[in-house]
């Protein structure tokens, strides 16, 4: 059993996606002044991509800050990435970077705020990934 943690910028696309999932989730704040979530259970991170044309800056600074904490990083079990297909090769790049650096699987990627199909696939995938229908976060 596990939970969700996500980052969403002011655009709110990722937040809308997570809200539509209807699962408990901790939000990594936009402002560095706000407290980070402190999950007590293993979790999946949902993260958008903000890369320049060369792929630099793909992982948001607040997500890097979140993952730099060894306790939070130790509980990370997978990543779901989001992005904009208009950016070609850098689409959902943050998920690939996080998965590689943290040694966890990239579970799924979706565009912008996702579609109903994306919601259904993520819910089914998380159920299978965690091996339970009950997803909670302490």
C-alpha atoms as a PDB file:
ATOM      1  CA  UNK A   1       0.000   0.000   0.000  1.00  0.00           C
ATOM      2  CA  UNK A   2       1.301   3.463  -0.775  1.00  0.00           C
ATOM      3  CA  UNK A   3       0.453   7.069  -1.421  1.00  0.00           C
ATOM      4  CA  UNK A   4       0.954   9.914  -3.842  1.00  0.00           C
ATOM      5  CA  UNK A   5       3.045  13.063  -3.723  1.00  0.00           C
ATOM      6  CA  UNK A   6       2.912  15.615  -6.533  1.00  0.00           C
ATOM      7  CA  UNK A   7       4.236  18.949  -7.694  1.00  0.00           C
ATOM      8  CA  UNK A   8       2.086  21.380  -9.631  1.00  0.00           C
ATOM      9  CA  UNK A   9       3.013  24.848 -10.769  1.00  0.00           C
ATOM     10  CA  UNK A  10       0.670  27.832 -10.802  1.00  0.00           C
ATOM     11  CA  UNK A  11      -0.849  26.524 -14.072  1.00  0.00           C
ATOM     12  CA  UNK A  12      -2.491  23.806 -11.964  1.00  0.00           C
ATOM     13  CA  UNK A  13      -2.501  21.071 -14.623  1.00  0.00           C
ATOM     14  CA  UNK A  14      -0.929  18.430 -12.392  1.00  0.00           C
ATOM     15  CA  UNK A  15      -3.084  19.463  -9.419  1.00  0.00           C
ATOM     16  CA  UNK A  16      -6.235  19.059 -11.537  1.00  0.00           C
ATOM     17  CA  UNK A  17      -5.080  15.606 -12.639  1.00  0.00           C
ATOM     18  CA  UNK A  18      -4.390  14.502  -9.060  1.00  0.00           C
ATOM     19  CA  UNK A  19      -7.735  15.902  -7.894  1.00  0.00           C
ATOM     20  CA  UNK A  20      -9.502  13.884 -10.597  1.00  0.00           C
ATOM     21  CA  UNK A  21      -7.760  10.718  -9.357  1.00  0.00           C
ATOM     22  CA  UNK A  22      -9.645  11.142  -6.081  1.00  0.00           C
ATOM     23  CA  UNK A  23      -6.797   9.679  -4.000  1.00  0.00           C
ATOM     24  CA  UNK A  24      -5.095  11.189  -0.971  1.00  0.00           C
ATOM     25  CA  UNK A  25      -1.964  13.062  -2.052  1.00  0.00           C
ATOM     26  CA  UNK A  26       0.629  15.362  -0.551  1.00  0.00           C
ATOM     27  CA  UNK A  27       1.581  18.441  -2.539  1.00  0.00           C
ATOM     28  CA  UNK A  28       5.128  19.712  -2.878  1.00  0.00           C
ATOM     29  CA  UNK A  29       4.660  23.463  -2.449  1.00  0.00           C
ATOM     30  CA  UNK A  30       5.511  26.007  -5.132  1.00  0.00           C
ATOM     31  CA  UNK A  31       7.161  28.287  -2.567  1.00  0.00           C
ATOM     32  CA  UNK A  32      10.390  27.230  -0.866  1.00  0.00           C
ATOM     33  CA  UNK A  33       9.059  28.916   2.280  1.00  0.00           C
ATOM     34  CA  UNK A  34       6.264  26.361   2.720  1.00  0.00           C
ATOM     35  CA  UNK A  35       6.732  23.019   4.462  1.00  0.00           C
ATOM     36  CA  UNK A  36       7.363  19.918   2.383  1.00  0.00           C
ATOM     37  CA  UNK A  37       5.078  16.904   2.733  1.00  0.00           C
ATOM     38  CA  UNK A  38       6.593  14.206   4.933  1.00  0.00           C
ATOM     39  CA  UNK A  39       5.095  10.918   3.759  1.00  0.00           C
ATOM     40  CA  UNK A  40       5.266   8.058   6.232  1.00  0.00           C
ATOM     41  CA  UNK A  41       4.526   5.432   3.593  1.00  0.00           C
ATOM     42  CA  UNK A  42       6.113   4.491   0.284  1.00  0.00           C
ATOM     43  CA  UNK A  43       4.792   6.740  -2.461  1.00  0.00           C
ATOM     44  CA  UNK A  44       4.659   7.525  -6.159  1.00  0.00           C
ATOM     45  CA  UNK A  45       5.680  11.011  -7.282  1.00  0.00           C
ATOM     46  CA  UNK A  46       3.731  12.815 -10.026  1.00  0.00           C
ATOM     47  CA  UNK A  47       5.890  15.490 -11.607  1.00  0.00           C
ATOM     48  CA  UNK A  48       5.590  17.885 -14.561  1.00  0.00           C
ATOM     49  CA  UNK A  49       8.513  18.784 -16.801  1.00  0.00           C
ATOM     50  CA  UNK A  50       9.880  22.299 -17.248  1.00  0.00           C
ATOM     51  CA  UNK A  51      12.861  21.899 -19.562  1.00  0.00           C
ATOM     52  CA  UNK A  52      14.454  24.335 -21.945  1.00  0.00           C
ATOM     53  CA  UNK A  53      15.050  23.243 -25.546  1.00  0.00           C
ATOM     54  CA  UNK A  54      18.169  21.352 -24.478  1.00  0.00           C
ATOM     55  CA  UNK A  55      16.488  19.527 -21.600  1.00  0.00           C
ATOM     56  CA  UNK A  56      18.035  21.645 -18.848  1.00  0.00           C
ATOM     57  CA  UNK A  57      15.855  22.383 -15.840  1.00  0.00           C
ATOM     58  CA  UNK A  58      13.498  19.475 -16.535  1.00  0.00           C
ATOM     59  CA  UNK A  59      12.960  18.675 -12.847  1.00  0.00           C
ATOM     60  CA  UNK A  60      11.427  21.586 -10.927  1.00  0.00           C
ATOM     61  CA  UNK A  61      13.688  23.001  -8.194  1.00  0.00           C
ATOM     62  CA  UNK A  62      11.143  22.237  -5.467  1.00  0.00           C
ATOM     63  CA  UNK A  63      11.026  18.585  -6.567  1.00  0.00           C
ATOM     64  CA  UNK A  64      14.817  18.424  -6.397  1.00  0.00           C
ATOM     65  CA  UNK A  65      14.616  19.915  -2.896  1.00  0.00           C
ATOM     66  CA  UNK A  66      12.004  17.310  -1.936  1.00  0.00           C
ATOM     67  CA  UNK A  67      14.107  14.433  -3.282  1.00  0.00           C
ATOM     68  CA  UNK A  68      17.328  15.709  -1.704  1.00  0.00           C
ATOM     69  CA  UNK A  69      15.966  14.606   1.670  1.00  0.00           C
ATOM     70  CA  UNK A  70      17.165  11.001   2.165  1.00  0.00           C
ATOM     71  CA  UNK A  71      14.091   9.969   4.206  1.00  0.00           C
ATOM     72  CA  UNK A  72      11.632  11.127   1.551  1.00  0.00           C
ATOM     73  CA  UNK A  73      13.750   9.706  -1.270  1.00  0.00           C
ATOM     74  CA  UNK A  74      13.952   6.317   0.513  1.00  0.00           C
ATOM     75  CA  UNK A  75      10.151   6.047   0.369  1.00  0.00           C
ATOM     76  CA  UNK A  76       9.917   6.830  -3.360  1.00  0.00           C
ATOM     77  CA  UNK A  77       8.745   3.780  -5.307  1.00  0.00           C
ATOM     78  CA  UNK A  78       7.913   5.174  -8.736  1.00  0.00           C
ATOM     79  CA  UNK A  79       7.289   8.283 -10.791  1.00  0.00           C
ATOM     80  CA  UNK A  80       4.543   9.453 -13.135  1.00  0.00           C
ATOM     81  CA  UNK A  81       5.563  12.254 -15.479  1.00  0.00           C
ATOM     82  CA  UNK A  82       3.602  14.931 -17.232  1.00  0.00           C
ATOM     83  CA  UNK A  83       4.534  17.393 -19.917  1.00  0.00           C
ATOM     84  CA  UNK A  84       3.590  18.960 -23.211  1.00  0.00           C
ATOM     85  CA  UNK A  85       4.159  16.982 -26.422  1.00  0.00           C
ATOM     86  CA  UNK A  86       4.881  20.269 -28.227  1.00  0.00           C
ATOM     87  CA  UNK A  87       8.340  20.117 -26.624  1.00  0.00           C
ATOM     88  CA  UNK A  88       9.283  16.949 -28.524  1.00  0.00           C
ATOM     89  CA  UNK A  89      12.228  15.056 -27.025  1.00  0.00           C
ATOM     90  CA  UNK A  90      11.894  16.816 -23.673  1.00  0.00           C
ATOM     91  CA  UNK A  91       8.253  15.697 -23.237  1.00  0.00           C
ATOM     92  CA  UNK A  92       7.915  14.239 -19.700  1.00  0.00           C
ATOM     93  CA  UNK A  93      11.706  14.323 -19.325  1.00  0.00           C
ATOM     94  CA  UNK A  94      11.512  15.033 -15.573  1.00  0.00           C
ATOM     95  CA  UNK A  95      10.084  11.552 -15.001  1.00  0.00           C
ATOM     96  CA  UNK A  96      12.932   9.888 -16.880  1.00  0.00           C
ATOM     97  CA  UNK A  97      15.527  11.915 -14.966  1.00  0.00           C
ATOM     98  CA  UNK A  98      13.965  11.175 -11.560  1.00  0.00           C
ATOM     99  CA  UNK A  99      13.494   7.472 -12.330  1.00  0.00           C
ATOM    100  CA  UNK A 100      17.122   7.114 -13.402  1.00  0.00           C
ATOM    101  CA  UNK A 101      18.622   9.122 -10.535  1.00  0.00           C
ATOM    102  CA  UNK A 102      16.467   7.513  -7.840  1.00  0.00           C
ATOM    103  CA  UNK A 103      16.448   3.978  -9.234  1.00  0.00           C
ATOM    104  CA  UNK A 104      12.656   3.716  -9.462  1.00  0.00           C
ATOM    105  CA  UNK A 105      10.403   2.898 -12.415  1.00  0.00           C
ATOM    106  CA  UNK A 106       8.803   5.499 -14.662  1.00  0.00           C
ATOM    107  CA  UNK A 107       5.248   4.201 -14.393  1.00  0.00           C
ATOM    108  CA  UNK A 108       3.351   6.435 -16.816  1.00  0.00           C
ATOM    109  CA  UNK A 109       3.385   9.760 -18.630  1.00  0.00           C
ATOM    110  CA  UNK A 110       0.538  12.003 -19.708  1.00  0.00           C
ATOM    111  CA  UNK A 111       0.102  15.360 -21.365  1.00  0.00           C
ATOM    112  CA  UNK A 112      -0.911  18.556 -19.549  1.00  0.00           C
ATOM    113  CA  UNK A 113      -3.908  17.816 -17.256  1.00  0.00           C
ATOM    114  CA  UNK A 114      -4.458  14.351 -18.754  1.00  0.00           C
ATOM    115  CA  UNK A 115      -7.531  12.748 -20.273  1.00  0.00           C
ATOM    116  CA  UNK A 116     -10.190  10.477 -18.808  1.00  0.00           C
ATOM    117  CA  UNK A 117      -8.240   7.577 -20.352  1.00  0.00           C
ATOM    118  CA  UNK A 118      -5.116   8.713 -18.491  1.00  0.00           C
ATOM    119  CA  UNK A 119      -7.077   8.854 -15.220  1.00  0.00           C
ATOM    120  CA  UNK A 120      -8.409   5.320 -15.725  1.00  0.00           C
ATOM    121  CA  UNK A 121      -4.967   3.976 -16.688  1.00  0.00           C
ATOM    122  CA  UNK A 122      -3.238   5.591 -13.706  1.00  0.00           C
ATOM    123  CA  UNK A 123      -5.877   4.349 -11.250  1.00  0.00           C
ATOM    124  CA  UNK A 124      -5.664   0.808 -12.650  1.00  0.00           C
ATOM    125  CA  UNK A 125      -1.880   0.974 -12.771  1.00  0.00           C
ATOM    126  CA  UNK A 126      -1.565   2.187  -9.180  1.00  0.00           C
ATOM    127  CA  UNK A 127      -3.936  -0.520  -7.996  1.00  0.00           C
ATOM    128  CA  UNK A 128      -1.792  -3.139  -9.718  1.00  0.00           C
ATOM    129  CA  UNK A 129       1.484  -1.481  -8.609  1.00  0.00           C
ATOM    130  CA  UNK A 130       0.505  -1.377  -4.940  1.00  0.00           C
ATOM    131  CA  UNK A 131      -1.417  -4.654  -5.097  1.00  0.00           C
ATOM    132  CA  UNK A 132      -4.470  -3.223  -3.389  1.00  0.00           C
ATOM    133  CA  UNK A 133      -7.558  -1.177  -4.111  1.00  0.00           C
ATOM    134  CA  UNK A 134      -7.020   0.950  -1.009  1.00  0.00           C
ATOM    135  CA  UNK A 135      -4.473   3.714  -1.482  1.00  0.00           C
ATOM    136  CA  UNK A 136      -3.790   5.811   1.576  1.00  0.00           C
ATOM    137  CA  UNK A 137      -1.170   8.269   2.679  1.00  0.00           C
ATOM    138  CA  UNK A 138      -0.223   8.944   6.272  1.00  0.00           C
END
